[in-house]
PDB file of N, CA and C in Angstrom:
ATOM      1  N   MET A   1      -3.950 -12.829   8.112  1.00  0.00           N
ATOM      2  CA  MET A   1      -5.144 -12.850   7.318  1.00  0.00           C
ATOM      3  C   MET A   1      -4.713 -12.891   5.859  1.00  0.00           C
ATOM      4  N   ASN A   2      -5.279 -13.802   5.110  1.00  0.00           N
ATOM      5  CA  ASN A   2      -4.920 -14.018   3.714  1.00  0.00           C
ATOM      6  C   ASN A   2      -6.190 -13.971   2.867  1.00  0.00           C
ATOM      7  N   VAL A   3      -6.240 -13.071   1.882  1.00  0.00           N
ATOM      8  CA  VAL A   3      -7.398 -12.953   0.996  1.00  0.00           C
ATOM      9  C   VAL A   3      -6.883 -13.062  -0.433  1.00  0.00           C
ATOM     10  N   ASN A   4      -7.483 -13.954  -1.211  1.00  0.00           N
ATOM     11  CA  ASN A   4      -7.035 -14.180  -2.581  1.00  0.00           C
ATOM     12  C   ASN A   4      -8.184 -14.078  -3.573  1.00  0.00           C
ATOM     13  N   THR A   5      -7.951 -13.433  -4.698  1.00  0.00           N
ATOM     14  CA  THR A   5      -8.868 -13.314  -5.828  1.00  0.00           C
ATOM     15  C   THR A   5     -10.256 -12.894  -5.365  1.00  0.00           C
ATOM     16  N   ILE A   6     -10.369 -11.611  -5.033  1.00  0.00           N
ATOM     17  CA  ILE A   6     -11.639 -11.064  -4.569  1.00  0.00           C
ATOM     18  C   ILE A   6     -12.109  -9.994  -5.552  1.00  0.00           C
ATOM     19  N   THR A   7     -13.386 -10.038  -5.936  1.00  0.00           N
ATOM     20  CA  THR A   7     -13.905  -9.104  -6.929  1.00  0.00           C
ATOM     21  C   THR A   7     -14.593  -7.901  -6.308  1.00  0.00           C
ATOM     22  N   GLY A   8     -15.066  -8.009  -5.097  1.00  0.00           N
ATOM     23  CA  GLY A   8     -15.746  -6.893  -4.450  1.00  0.00           C
ATOM     24  C   GLY A   8     -14.763  -5.979  -3.755  1.00  0.00           C
ATOM     25  N   PRO A   9     -15.250  -4.866  -3.236  1.00  0.00           N
ATOM     26  CA  PRO A   9     -14.375  -3.987  -2.469  1.00  0.00           C
ATOM     27  C   PRO A   9     -13.825  -4.711  -1.240  1.00  0.00           C
ATOM     28  N   VAL A  10     -12.587  -4.400  -0.878  1.00  0.00           N
ATOM     29  CA  VAL A  10     -11.942  -4.989   0.292  1.00  0.00           C
ATOM     30  C   VAL A  10     -11.853  -3.912   1.367  1.00  0.00           C
ATOM     31  N   ASP A  11     -12.275  -4.240   2.593  1.00  0.00           N
ATOM     32  CA  ASP A  11     -12.160  -3.324   3.725  1.00  0.00           C
ATOM     33  C   ASP A  11     -11.781  -4.151   4.942  1.00  0.00           C
ATOM     34  N   ILE A  12     -10.519  -4.062   5.360  1.00  0.00           N
ATOM     35  CA  ILE A  12      -9.995  -4.884   6.455  1.00  0.00           C
ATOM     36  C   ILE A  12      -9.460  -3.971   7.543  1.00  0.00           C
ATOM     37  N   ALA A  13      -9.825  -4.242   8.786  1.00  0.00           N
ATOM     38  CA  ALA A  13      -9.272  -3.547   9.945  1.00  0.00           C
ATOM     39  C   ALA A  13      -8.873  -4.602  10.964  1.00  0.00           C
ATOM     40  N   THR A  14      -7.603  -4.592  11.372  1.00  0.00           N
ATOM     41  CA  THR A  14      -7.133  -5.610  12.306  1.00  0.00           C
ATOM     42  C   THR A  14      -5.905  -5.105  13.068  1.00  0.00           C
ATOM     43  N   THR A  15      -5.524  -5.837  14.085  1.00  0.00           N
ATOM     44  CA  THR A  15      -4.289  -5.563  14.825  1.00  0.00           C
ATOM     45  C   THR A  15      -3.586  -6.888  15.088  1.00  0.00           C
ATOM     46  N   LEU A  16      -2.276  -6.800  15.265  1.00  0.00           N
ATOM     47  CA  LEU A  16      -1.449  -7.949  15.632  1.00  0.00           C
ATOM     48  C   LEU A  16      -1.495  -9.086  14.612  1.00  0.00           C
ATOM     49  N   LYS A  17      -1.779  -8.763  13.348  1.00  0.00           N
ATOM     50  CA  LYS A  17      -1.818  -9.789  12.304  1.00  0.00           C
ATOM     51  C   LYS A  17      -1.173  -9.246  11.044  1.00  0.00           C
ATOM     52  N   ASP A  18      -0.541 -10.112  10.273  1.00  0.00           N
ATOM     53  CA  ASP A  18      -0.105  -9.762   8.931  1.00  0.00           C
ATOM     54  C   ASP A  18      -1.310  -9.866   8.009  1.00  0.00           C
ATOM     55  N   VAL A  19      -1.404  -8.954   7.050  1.00  0.00           N
ATOM     56  CA  VAL A  19      -2.506  -8.942   6.096  1.00  0.00           C
ATOM     57  C   VAL A  19      -1.915  -9.111   4.699  1.00  0.00           C
ATOM     58  N   ILE A  20      -2.422 -10.097   3.967  1.00  0.00           N
ATOM     59  CA  ILE A  20      -1.999 -10.351   2.593  1.00  0.00           C
ATOM     60  C   ILE A  20      -3.243 -10.377   1.716  1.00  0.00           C
ATOM     61  N   VAL A  21      -3.287  -9.486   0.719  1.00  0.00           N
ATOM     62  CA  VAL A  21      -4.411  -9.449  -0.217  1.00  0.00           C
ATOM     63  C   VAL A  21      -3.826  -9.569  -1.623  1.00  0.00           C
ATOM     64  N   ASN A  22      -4.217 -10.629  -2.327  1.00  0.00           N
ATOM     65  CA  ASN A  22      -3.733 -10.890  -3.686  1.00  0.00           C
ATOM     66  C   ASN A  22      -4.886 -10.857  -4.670  1.00  0.00           C
ATOM     67  N   ASN A  23      -4.655 -10.274  -5.828  1.00  0.00           N
ATOM     68  CA  ASN A  23      -5.608 -10.268  -6.944  1.00  0.00           C
ATOM     69  C   ASN A  23      -6.956  -9.646  -6.596  1.00  0.00           C
ATOM     70  N   PHE A  24      -6.916  -8.434  -6.038  1.00  0.00           N
ATOM     71  CA  PHE A  24      -8.153  -7.688  -5.815  1.00  0.00           C
ATOM     72  C   PHE A  24      -8.457  -6.895  -7.077  1.00  0.00           C
ATOM     73  N   SER A  25      -9.748  -6.617  -7.333  1.00  0.00           N
ATOM     74  CA  SER A  25     -10.097  -5.932  -8.570  1.00  0.00           C
ATOM     75  C   SER A  25     -10.900  -4.651  -8.350  1.00  0.00           C
ATOM     76  N   ARG A  26     -11.255  -4.344  -7.129  1.00  0.00           N
ATOM     77  CA  ARG A  26     -11.973  -3.101  -6.818  1.00  0.00           C
ATOM     78  C   ARG A  26     -11.201  -2.367  -5.741  1.00  0.00           C
ATOM     79  N   SER A  27     -11.832  -1.464  -5.032  1.00  0.00           N
ATOM     80  CA  SER A  27     -11.137  -0.692  -4.006  1.00  0.00           C
ATOM     81  C   SER A  27     -10.593  -1.622  -2.920  1.00  0.00           C
ATOM     82  N   CYS A  28      -9.494  -1.196  -2.306  1.00  0.00           N
ATOM     83  CA  CYS A  28      -8.872  -1.991  -1.258  1.00  0.00           C
ATOM     84  C   CYS A  28      -8.456  -1.052  -0.137  1.00  0.00           C
ATOM     85  N   LYS A  29      -9.034  -1.242   1.028  1.00  0.00           N
ATOM     86  CA  LYS A  29      -8.742  -0.410   2.194  1.00  0.00           C
ATOM     87  C   LYS A  29      -8.295  -1.320   3.331  1.00  0.00           C
ATOM     88  N   VAL A  30      -7.097  -1.062   3.873  1.00  0.00           N
ATOM     89  CA  VAL A  30      -6.563  -1.870   4.965  1.00  0.00           C
ATOM     90  C   VAL A  30      -6.092  -0.945   6.069  1.00  0.00           C
ATOM     91  N   SER A  31      -6.540  -1.211   7.279  1.00  0.00           N
ATOM     92  CA  SER A  31      -6.080  -0.517   8.473  1.00  0.00           C
ATOM     93  C   SER A  31      -5.527  -1.580   9.415  1.00  0.00           C
ATOM     94  N   ASN A  32      -4.250  -1.447   9.764  1.00  0.00           N
ATOM     95  CA  ASN A  32      -3.583  -2.496  10.536  1.00  0.00           C
ATOM     96  C   ASN A  32      -2.636  -1.858  11.543  1.00  0.00           C
ATOM     97  N   GLU A  33      -2.357  -2.597  12.593  1.00  0.00           N
ATOM     98  CA  GLU A  33      -1.389  -2.157  13.593  1.00  0.00           C
ATOM     99  C   GLU A  33      -0.606  -3.360  14.080  1.00  0.00           C
ATOM    100  N   ARG A  34       0.713  -3.200  14.115  1.00  0.00           N
ATOM    101  CA  ARG A  34       1.632  -4.224  14.611  1.00  0.00           C
ATOM    102  C   ARG A  34       1.607  -5.504  13.766  1.00  0.00           C
ATOM    103  N   GLY A  35       1.615  -5.310  12.457  1.00  0.00           N
ATOM    104  CA  GLY A  35       1.704  -6.415  11.512  1.00  0.00           C
ATOM    105  C   GLY A  35       2.071  -5.853  10.151  1.00  0.00           C
ATOM    106  N   ASP A  36       2.494  -6.704   9.247  1.00  0.00           N
ATOM    107  CA  ASP A  36       2.851  -6.279   7.899  1.00  0.00           C
ATOM    108  C   ASP A  36       1.641  -6.364   6.980  1.00  0.00           C
ATOM    109  N   VAL A  37       1.645  -5.536   5.932  1.00  0.00           N
ATOM    110  CA  VAL A  37       0.588  -5.529   4.932  1.00  0.00           C
ATOM    111  C   VAL A  37       1.225  -5.740   3.563  1.00  0.00           C
ATOM    112  N   SER A  38       0.704  -6.700   2.795  1.00  0.00           N
ATOM    113  CA  SER A  38       1.178  -6.959   1.438  1.00  0.00           C
ATOM    114  C   SER A  38      -0.027  -6.986   0.508  1.00  0.00           C
ATOM    115  N   LEU A  39      -0.008  -6.121  -0.510  1.00  0.00           N
ATOM    116  CA  LEU A  39      -1.091  -6.053  -1.485  1.00  0.00           C
ATOM    117  C   LEU A  39      -0.517  -6.276  -2.871  1.00  0.00           C
ATOM    118  N   SER A  40      -1.187  -7.094  -3.671  1.00  0.00           N
ATOM    119  CA  SER A  40      -0.769  -7.285  -5.062  1.00  0.00           C
ATOM    120  C   SER A  40      -2.003  -7.490  -5.926  1.00  0.00           C
ATOM    121  N   THR A  41      -1.895  -7.019  -7.172  1.00  0.00           N
ATOM    122  CA  THR A  41      -2.983  -7.188  -8.115  1.00  0.00           C
ATOM    123  C   THR A  41      -2.410  -7.345  -9.514  1.00  0.00           C
ATOM    124  N   ALA A  42      -3.069  -8.142 -10.332  1.00  0.00           N
ATOM    125  CA  ALA A  42      -2.618  -8.357 -11.705  1.00  0.00           C
ATOM    126  C   ALA A  42      -3.160  -7.291 -12.639  1.00  0.00           C
ATOM    127  N   ALA A  43      -4.264  -6.629 -12.246  1.00  0.00           N
ATOM    128  CA  ALA A  43      -4.882  -5.592 -13.074  1.00  0.00           C
ATOM    129  C   ALA A  43      -5.310  -4.440 -12.171  1.00  0.00           C
ATOM    130  N   LEU A  44      -4.712  -3.283 -12.369  1.00  0.00           N
ATOM    131  CA  LEU A  44      -5.014  -2.115 -11.549  1.00  0.00           C
ATOM    132  C   LEU A  44      -6.228  -1.395 -12.105  1.00  0.00           C
ATOM    133  N   GLY A  45      -7.278  -1.273 -11.290  1.00  0.00           N
ATOM    134  CA  GLY A  45      -8.484  -0.556 -11.691  1.00  0.00           C
ATOM    135  C   GLY A  45      -8.383   0.909 -11.315  1.00  0.00           C
ATOM    136  N   LYS A  46      -9.515   1.605 -11.360  1.00  0.00           N
ATOM    137  CA  LYS A  46      -9.542   3.035 -11.039  1.00  0.00           C
ATOM    138  C   LYS A  46      -9.963   3.294  -9.597  1.00  0.00           C
ATOM    139  N   ASP A  47     -10.314   2.257  -8.854  1.00  0.00           N
ATOM    140  CA  ASP A  47     -10.739   2.422  -7.468  1.00  0.00           C
ATOM    141  C   ASP A  47      -9.531   2.688  -6.569  1.00  0.00           C
ATOM    142  N   ALA A  48      -9.781   3.325  -5.450  1.00  0.00           N
ATOM    143  CA  ALA A  48      -8.718   3.725  -4.526  1.00  0.00           C
ATOM    144  C   ALA A  48      -8.134   2.540  -3.761  1.00  0.00           C
ATOM    145  N   ILE A  49      -6.848   2.661  -3.476  1.00  0.00           N
ATOM    146  CA  ILE A  49      -6.158   1.737  -2.577  1.00  0.00           C
ATOM    147  C   ILE A  49      -5.665   2.594  -1.414  1.00  0.00           C
ATOM    148  N   GLU A  50      -6.082   2.239  -0.214  1.00  0.00           N
ATOM    149  CA  GLU A  50      -5.707   3.015   0.968  1.00  0.00           C
ATOM    150  C   GLU A  50      -5.167   2.075   2.032  1.00  0.00           C
ATOM    151  N   VAL A  51      -3.976   2.370   2.530  1.00  0.00           N
ATOM    152  CA  VAL A  51      -3.365   1.542   3.568  1.00  0.00           C
ATOM    153  C   VAL A  51      -2.901   2.444   4.698  1.00  0.00           C
ATOM    154  N   ARG A  52      -3.290   2.108   5.904  1.00  0.00           N
ATOM    155  CA  ARG A  52      -2.790   2.764   7.114  1.00  0.00           C
ATOM    156  C   ARG A  52      -2.227   1.653   7.985  1.00  0.00           C
ATOM    157  N   ASN A  53      -0.958   1.786   8.318  1.00  0.00           N
ATOM    158  CA  ASN A  53      -0.301   0.731   9.088  1.00  0.00           C
ATOM    159  C   ASN A  53       0.623   1.358  10.118  1.00  0.00           C
ATOM    160  N   ARG A  54       0.589   0.843  11.316  1.00  0.00           N
ATOM    161  CA  ARG A  54       1.497   1.291  12.374  1.00  0.00           C
ATOM    162  C   ARG A  54       2.347   0.111  12.804  1.00  0.00           C
ATOM    163  N   PHE A  55       3.646   0.347  12.883  1.00  0.00           N
ATOM    164  CA  PHE A  55       4.593  -0.657  13.376  1.00  0.00           C
ATOM    165  C   PHE A  55       4.641  -1.903  12.505  1.00  0.00           C
ATOM    166  N   GLY A  56       4.710  -1.708  11.204  1.00  0.00           N
ATOM    167  CA  GLY A  56       4.842  -2.827  10.273  1.00  0.00           C
ATOM    168  C   GLY A  56       5.197  -2.323   8.888  1.00  0.00           C
ATOM    169  N   ASP A  57       5.612  -3.241   8.028  1.00  0.00           N
ATOM    170  CA  ASP A  57       5.961  -2.916   6.647  1.00  0.00           C
ATOM    171  C   ASP A  57       4.725  -2.941   5.763  1.00  0.00           C
ATOM    172  N   VAL A  58       4.779  -2.162   4.678  1.00  0.00           N
ATOM    173  CA  VAL A  58       3.740  -2.185   3.649  1.00  0.00           C
ATOM    174  C   VAL A  58       4.426  -2.489   2.323  1.00  0.00           C
ATOM    175  N   THR A  59       3.941  -3.531   1.628  1.00  0.00           N
ATOM    176  CA  THR A  59       4.447  -3.887   0.305  1.00  0.00           C
ATOM    177  C   THR A  59       3.287  -3.800  -0.670  1.00  0.00           C
ATOM    178  N   LEU A  60       3.484  -3.053  -1.752  1.00  0.00           N
ATOM    179  CA  LEU A  60       2.465  -2.892  -2.786  1.00  0.00           C
ATOM    180  C   LEU A  60       3.070  -3.327  -4.110  1.00  0.00           C
ATOM    181  N   ILE A  61       2.465  -4.339  -4.734  1.00  0.00           N
ATOM    182  CA  ILE A  61       2.952  -4.861  -6.009  1.00  0.00           C
ATOM    183  C   ILE A  61       1.877  -4.594  -7.063  1.00  0.00           C
ATOM    184  N   LEU A  62       2.253  -3.773  -8.072  1.00  0.00           N
ATOM    185  CA  LEU A  62       1.330  -3.396  -9.141  1.00  0.00           C
ATOM    186  C   LEU A  62       1.836  -3.937 -10.469  1.00  0.00           C
ATOM    187  N   PRO A  63       0.939  -4.108 -11.444  1.00  0.00           N
ATOM    188  CA  PRO A  63       1.365  -4.608 -12.755  1.00  0.00           C
ATOM    189  C   PRO A  63       2.319  -3.623 -13.434  1.00  0.00           C
ATOM    190  N   PRO A  64       3.248  -4.133 -14.229  1.00  0.00           N
ATOM    191  CA  PRO A  64       4.155  -3.252 -14.979  1.00  0.00           C
ATOM    192  C   PRO A  64       3.361  -2.305 -15.878  1.00  0.00           C
ATOM    193  N   GLY A  65       3.835  -1.080 -15.997  1.00  0.00           N
ATOM    194  CA  GLY A  65       3.179  -0.102 -16.860  1.00  0.00           C
ATOM    195  C   GLY A  65       1.930   0.531 -16.269  1.00  0.00           C
ATOM    196  N   SER A  66       1.639   0.302 -14.999  1.00  0.00           N
ATOM    197  CA  SER A  66       0.450   0.878 -14.372  1.00  0.00           C
ATOM    198  C   SER A  66       0.561   2.391 -14.269  1.00  0.00           C
ATOM    199  N   LEU A  67      -0.558   3.068 -14.477  1.00  0.00           N
ATOM    200  CA  LEU A  67      -0.636   4.508 -14.272  1.00  0.00           C
ATOM    201  C   LEU A  67      -1.368   4.748 -12.959  1.00  0.00           C
ATOM    202  N   PHE A  68      -0.783   5.576 -12.081  1.00  0.00           N
ATOM    203  CA  PHE A  68      -1.374   5.792 -10.771  1.00  0.00           C
ATOM    204  C   PHE A  68      -0.840   7.064 -10.153  1.00  0.00           C
ATOM    205  N   GLU A  69      -1.550   7.533  -9.132  1.00  0.00           N
ATOM    206  CA  GLU A  69      -1.083   8.600  -8.258  1.00  0.00           C
ATOM    207  C   GLU A  69      -0.963   7.999  -6.872  1.00  0.00           C
ATOM    208  N   MET A  70       0.103   8.388  -6.148  1.00  0.00           N
ATOM    209  CA  MET A  70       0.311   7.804  -4.825  1.00  0.00           C
ATOM    210  C   MET A  70       0.958   8.833  -3.911  1.00  0.00           C
ATOM    211  N   ASP A  71       0.454   8.935  -2.701  1.00  0.00           N
ATOM    212  CA  ASP A  71       1.067   9.724  -1.642  1.00  0.00           C
ATOM    213  C   ASP A  71       1.475   8.762  -0.542  1.00  0.00           C
ATOM    214  N   VAL A  72       2.725   8.845  -0.110  1.00  0.00           N
ATOM    215  CA  VAL A  72       3.247   7.954   0.920  1.00  0.00           C
ATOM    216  C   VAL A  72       3.844   8.803   2.033  1.00  0.00           C
ATOM    217  N   THR A  73       3.508   8.457   3.273  1.00  0.00           N
ATOM    218  CA  THR A  73       4.090   9.128   4.432  1.00  0.00           C
ATOM    219  C   THR A  73       4.514   8.071   5.431  1.00  0.00           C
ATOM    220  N   ALA A  74       5.720   8.224   5.963  1.00  0.00           N
ATOM    221  CA  ALA A  74       6.215   7.319   7.002  1.00  0.00           C
ATOM    222  C   ALA A  74       6.707   8.158   8.171  1.00  0.00           C
ATOM    223  N   ARG A  75       6.150   7.925   9.336  1.00  0.00           N
ATOM    224  CA  ARG A  75       6.615   8.590  10.557  1.00  0.00           C
ATOM    225  C   ARG A  75       7.520   7.620  11.300  1.00  0.00           C
ATOM    226  N   ASN A  76       8.702   8.085  11.640  1.00  0.00           N
ATOM    227  CA  ASN A  76       9.683   7.246  12.350  1.00  0.00           C
ATOM    228  C   ASN A  76       9.972   5.957  11.592  1.00  0.00           C
ATOM    229  N   GLY A  77       9.940   6.015  10.295  1.00  0.00           N
ATOM    230  CA  GLY A  77      10.221   4.847   9.466  1.00  0.00           C
ATOM    231  C   GLY A  77      10.959   5.278   8.224  1.00  0.00           C
ATOM    232  N   ARG A  78      10.934   4.419   7.210  1.00  0.00           N
ATOM    233  CA  ARG A  78      11.610   4.770   5.970  1.00  0.00           C
ATOM    234  C   ARG A  78      10.767   4.335   4.785  1.00  0.00           C
ATOM    235  N   ILE A  79      11.050   4.945   3.646  1.00  0.00           N
ATOM    236  CA  ILE A  79      10.352   4.638   2.403  1.00  0.00           C
ATOM    237  C   ILE A  79      11.386   4.140   1.410  1.00  0.00           C
ATOM    238  N   ARG A  80      11.056   3.048   0.755  1.00  0.00           N
ATOM    239  CA  ARG A  80      11.878   2.537  -0.339  1.00  0.00           C
ATOM    240  C   ARG A  80      10.933   2.212  -1.479  1.00  0.00           C
ATOM    241  N   SER A  81      11.273   2.663  -2.680  1.00  0.00           N
ATOM    242  CA  SER A  81      10.391   2.451  -3.817  1.00  0.00           C
ATOM    243  C   SER A  81      11.164   1.914  -5.005  1.00  0.00           C
ATOM    244  N   ASP A  82      10.578   0.936  -5.683  1.00  0.00           N
ATOM    245  CA  ASP A  82      11.130   0.406  -6.929  1.00  0.00           C
ATOM    246  C   ASP A  82      10.367   0.923  -8.144  1.00  0.00           C
ATOM    247  N   PHE A  83       9.347   1.793  -7.925  1.00  0.00           N
ATOM    248  CA  PHE A  83       8.608   2.385  -9.030  1.00  0.00           C
ATOM    249  C   PHE A  83       9.473   3.471  -9.644  1.00  0.00           C
ATOM    250  N   GLY A  84       9.502   3.560 -10.963  1.00  0.00           N
ATOM    251  CA  GLY A  84      10.294   4.583 -11.641  1.00  0.00           C
ATOM    252  C   GLY A  84       9.576   5.915 -11.668  1.00  0.00           C
ATOM    253  N   ASP A  85      10.294   6.957 -12.080  1.00  0.00           N
ATOM    254  CA  ASP A  85       9.744   8.297 -12.268  1.00  0.00           C
ATOM    255  C   ASP A  85       9.085   8.884 -11.023  1.00  0.00           C
ATOM    256  N   ALA A  86       9.631   8.601  -9.866  1.00  0.00           N
ATOM    257  CA  ALA A  86       9.084   9.152  -8.630  1.00  0.00           C
ATOM    258  C   ALA A  86       9.678  10.519  -8.367  1.00  0.00           C
ATOM    259  N   GLU A  87       8.871  11.374  -7.783  1.00  0.00           N
ATOM    260  CA  GLU A  87       9.425  12.605  -7.259  1.00  0.00           C
ATOM    261  C   GLU A  87      10.309  12.221  -6.074  1.00  0.00           C
ATOM    262  N   SER A  88      11.156  13.089  -5.646  1.00  0.00           N
ATOM    263  CA  SER A  88      12.126  12.731  -4.619  1.00  0.00           C
ATOM    264  C   SER A  88      11.459  12.427  -3.276  1.00  0.00           C
ATOM    265  N   ILE A  89      12.137  11.586  -2.526  1.00  0.00           N
ATOM    266  CA  ILE A  89      11.726  11.290  -1.163  1.00  0.00           C
ATOM    267  C   ILE A  89      12.284  12.405  -0.286  1.00  0.00           C
ATOM    268  N   VAL A  90      11.431  13.024   0.516  1.00  0.00           N
ATOM    269  CA  VAL A  90      11.819  14.165   1.332  1.00  0.00           C
ATOM    270  C   VAL A  90      11.704  13.795   2.806  1.00  0.00           C
ATOM    271  N   ARG A  91      12.738  14.119   3.578  1.00  0.00           N
ATOM    272  CA  ARG A  91      12.701  13.898   5.026  1.00  0.00           C
ATOM    273  C   ARG A  91      12.563  15.248   5.712  1.00  0.00           C
ATOM    274  N   ASN A  92      11.611  15.337   6.630  1.00  0.00           N
ATOM    275  CA  ASN A  92      11.398  16.525   7.441  1.00  0.00           C
ATOM    276  C   ASN A  92      11.280  16.064   8.888  1.00  0.00           C
ATOM    277  N   GLY A  93      12.349  16.114   9.631  1.00  0.00           N
ATOM    278  CA  GLY A  93      12.352  15.605  10.996  1.00  0.00           C
ATOM    279  C   GLY A  93      12.186  14.102  10.988  1.00  0.00           C
ATOM    280  N   ASP A  94      11.154  13.586  11.644  1.00  0.00           N
ATOM    281  CA  ASP A  94      10.921  12.145  11.712  1.00  0.00           C
ATOM    282  C   ASP A  94       9.916  11.658  10.669  1.00  0.00           C
ATOM    283  N   VAL A  95       9.570  12.522   9.686  1.00  0.00           N
ATOM    284  CA  VAL A  95       8.569  12.177   8.675  1.00  0.00           C
ATOM    285  C   VAL A  95       9.228  12.137   7.300  1.00  0.00           C
ATOM    286  N   MET A  96       8.995  11.040   6.568  1.00  0.00           N
ATOM    287  CA  MET A  96       9.434  10.929   5.174  1.00  0.00           C
ATOM    288  C   MET A  96       8.189  10.943   4.287  1.00  0.00           C
ATOM    289  N   THR A  97       8.272  11.625   3.140  1.00  0.00           N
ATOM    290  CA  THR A  97       7.152  11.653   2.214  1.00  0.00           C
ATOM    291  C   THR A  97       7.639  11.380   0.799  1.00  0.00           C
ATOM    292  N   LEU A  98       6.730  10.850   0.000  1.00  0.00           N
ATOM    293  CA  LEU A  98       6.993  10.522  -1.396  1.00  0.00           C
ATOM    294  C   LEU A  98       5.699  10.723  -2.162  1.00  0.00           C
ATOM    295  N   LYS A  99       5.785  11.313  -3.354  1.00  0.00           N
ATOM    296  CA  LYS A  99       4.599  11.500  -4.200  1.00  0.00           C
ATOM    297  C   LYS A  99       4.883  10.997  -5.591  1.00  0.00           C
ATOM    298  N   TYR A 100       3.908  10.329  -6.184  1.00  0.00           N
ATOM    299  CA  TYR A 100       3.925   9.896  -7.583  1.00  0.00           C
ATOM    300  C   TYR A 100       2.731  10.521  -8.271  1.00  0.00           C
ATOM    301  N   GLY A 101       2.852  10.742  -9.560  1.00  0.00           N
ATOM    302  CA  GLY A 101       1.688  11.156 -10.338  1.00  0.00           C
ATOM    303  C   GLY A 101       1.565  12.612 -10.572  1.00  0.00           C
TER     304      GLY A 101
END
């Protein structure tokens, strides 16, 4: 599923598909299973971005200099972040967590 340049809120729920959302300007909510999720925006607003994904990768691309808060949890997976100034990634058994903001 590919969605490009959308001004309204995004709410997608699917399985067995990759989800790509580019240039969203309001809230973005994606629930997916057994596929990858890629979200990117040129201008980060104040609306929430929420992603729940099982058995797939999540890629989030935000504009440079963006201010945000983020909580990330991965069960039986891993977290890799290129955002600076992150609090440490903590592993507790099979769960990894990361917090920004």
